[in-house]
Amino acid sequence: MENNDKQNITIRFGSWDLPMTVHRKDEHLYREAEKIMKERYAFYTKTYKGLATERYMVMSMLDIAVRLAHSKENGDTAPIIAAIGPLVEEIETVLKEKR
């Protein structure tokens, strides 16, 4: 794959900027994943007040993973898993750096 098939994007989540290099054709998937992450995080911060940021993030990731597992039972989720996988890895890296 040539370099022009990829592009640099920044996913913003809370106070974090997550720079990533992604396939151009997949940018919309990363943007949609960013939106889902923010929605789930907002839900948990409003529902469960006073918890640590990391806890909200884990709750959000678990929620998304359960939804993904449920979708997997009902159809092909390979494209979704491929798109969200690198994002989860980036989040895990940032969490490890904060410890």
Protein backbone atom coordinates (compact mmCIF):
# COMPACT_ATOMS: atom_id res chain seq x y z
CA MET A 1 0.00 0.00 0.00
CA GLU A 2 1.32 3.42 -0.92
CA ASN A 3 1.73 6.26 1.55
CA ASN A 4 -0.89 8.35 -0.24
CA ASP A 5 -3.45 5.70 0.75
CA LYS A 6 -2.96 6.77 4.36
CA GLN A 7 -3.49 9.99 6.20
CA ASN A 8 -2.82 11.47 9.60
CA ILE A 9 -5.81 12.27 11.77
CA THR A 10 -6.25 13.26 15.38
CA ILE A 11 -8.94 11.69 17.50
CA ARG A 12 -9.89 13.95 20.38
CA PHE A 13 -11.17 12.42 23.56
CA GLY A 14 -11.45 14.55 26.66
CA SER A 15 -8.16 16.37 27.13
CA TRP A 16 -6.28 13.85 24.99
CA ASP A 17 -5.28 14.20 21.37
CA LEU A 18 -4.62 10.81 19.80
CA PRO A 19 -2.65 11.23 16.56
CA MET A 20 -3.10 8.28 14.23
CA THR A 21 -2.20 7.24 10.70
CA VAL A 22 -5.16 5.55 9.02
CA HIS A 23 -6.22 4.37 5.61
CA ARG A 24 -8.06 7.17 3.83
CA LYS A 25 -11.00 4.90 3.10
CA ASP A 26 -11.39 4.23 6.83
CA GLU A 27 -11.31 7.79 8.16
CA HIS A 28 -15.10 7.93 8.46
CA LEU A 29 -15.01 4.79 10.63
CA TYR A 30 -12.55 6.40 13.02
CA ARG A 31 -14.67 9.54 13.19
CA GLU A 32 -17.76 7.44 13.91
CA ALA A 33 -15.85 5.48 16.58
CA GLU A 34 -14.76 8.79 18.13
CA LYS A 35 -18.39 9.91 18.26
CA ILE A 36 -19.53 6.63 19.86
CA MET A 37 -16.74 6.78 22.45
CA LYS A 38 -17.69 10.33 23.42
CA GLU A 39 -21.39 9.46 23.65
CA ARG A 40 -20.81 6.45 25.91
CA TYR A 41 -18.32 8.37 28.08
CA ALA A 42 -20.81 11.22 28.50
CA PHE A 43 -23.52 8.76 29.48
CA TYR A 44 -21.40 7.19 32.22
CA THR A 45 -20.10 10.50 33.60
CA LYS A 46 -23.68 11.75 33.91
CA THR A 47 -25.03 8.50 35.33
CA TYR A 48 -22.26 7.71 37.83
CA LYS A 49 -20.94 10.91 39.41
CA GLY A 50 -17.56 11.25 41.08
CA LEU A 51 -15.62 8.32 39.64
CA ALA A 52 -12.08 8.40 38.26
CA THR A 53 -11.59 9.16 34.57
CA GLU A 54 -10.06 5.74 33.98
CA ARG A 55 -13.13 4.08 35.45
CA TYR A 56 -15.43 5.98 33.09
CA MET A 57 -13.22 4.96 30.19
CA VAL A 58 -13.30 1.29 31.17
CA MET A 59 -17.07 1.41 31.62
CA SER A 60 -17.40 2.99 28.18
CA MET A 61 -15.10 0.42 26.58
CA LEU A 62 -17.02 -2.42 28.22
CA ASP A 63 -20.30 -0.97 26.99
CA ILE A 64 -18.97 -0.72 23.44
CA ALA A 65 -17.47 -4.23 23.61
CA VAL A 66 -20.80 -5.70 24.78
CA ARG A 67 -22.61 -3.94 21.95
CA LEU A 68 -20.01 -5.29 19.54
CA ALA A 69 -20.38 -8.82 20.92
CA HIS A 70 -24.14 -8.55 20.59
CA SER A 71 -23.75 -7.36 16.99
CA LYS A 72 -21.38 -10.23 16.31
CA GLU A 73 -24.11 -12.67 17.26
CA ASN A 74 -26.41 -11.01 14.74
CA GLY A 75 -24.09 -10.48 11.78
CA ASP A 76 -20.65 -9.74 10.39
CA THR A 77 -18.71 -7.26 12.50
CA ALA A 78 -15.23 -7.72 11.03
CA PRO A 79 -15.15 -4.17 9.61
CA ILE A 80 -16.18 -2.70 12.95
CA ILE A 81 -13.60 -4.70 14.88
CA ALA A 82 -10.90 -3.70 12.41
CA ALA A 83 -11.79 -0.02 12.79
CA ILE A 84 -12.12 0.11 16.56
CA GLY A 85 -9.15 -2.14 17.41
CA PRO A 86 -6.41 0.44 16.81
CA LEU A 87 -8.39 3.06 18.72
CA VAL A 88 -8.65 0.81 21.76
CA GLU A 89 -4.90 0.18 21.58
CA GLU A 90 -4.24 3.94 21.53
CA ILE A 91 -6.48 4.48 24.55
CA GLU A 92 -4.76 1.68 26.45
CA THR A 93 -1.36 3.22 25.66
CA VAL A 94 -2.44 6.62 26.93
CA LEU A 95 -3.89 5.08 30.10
CA LYS A 96 -0.63 3.25 30.79
CA GLU A 97 1.34 6.47 30.31
CA LYS A 98 -0.87 8.29 32.85
CA ARG A 99 -0.16 5.72 35.58
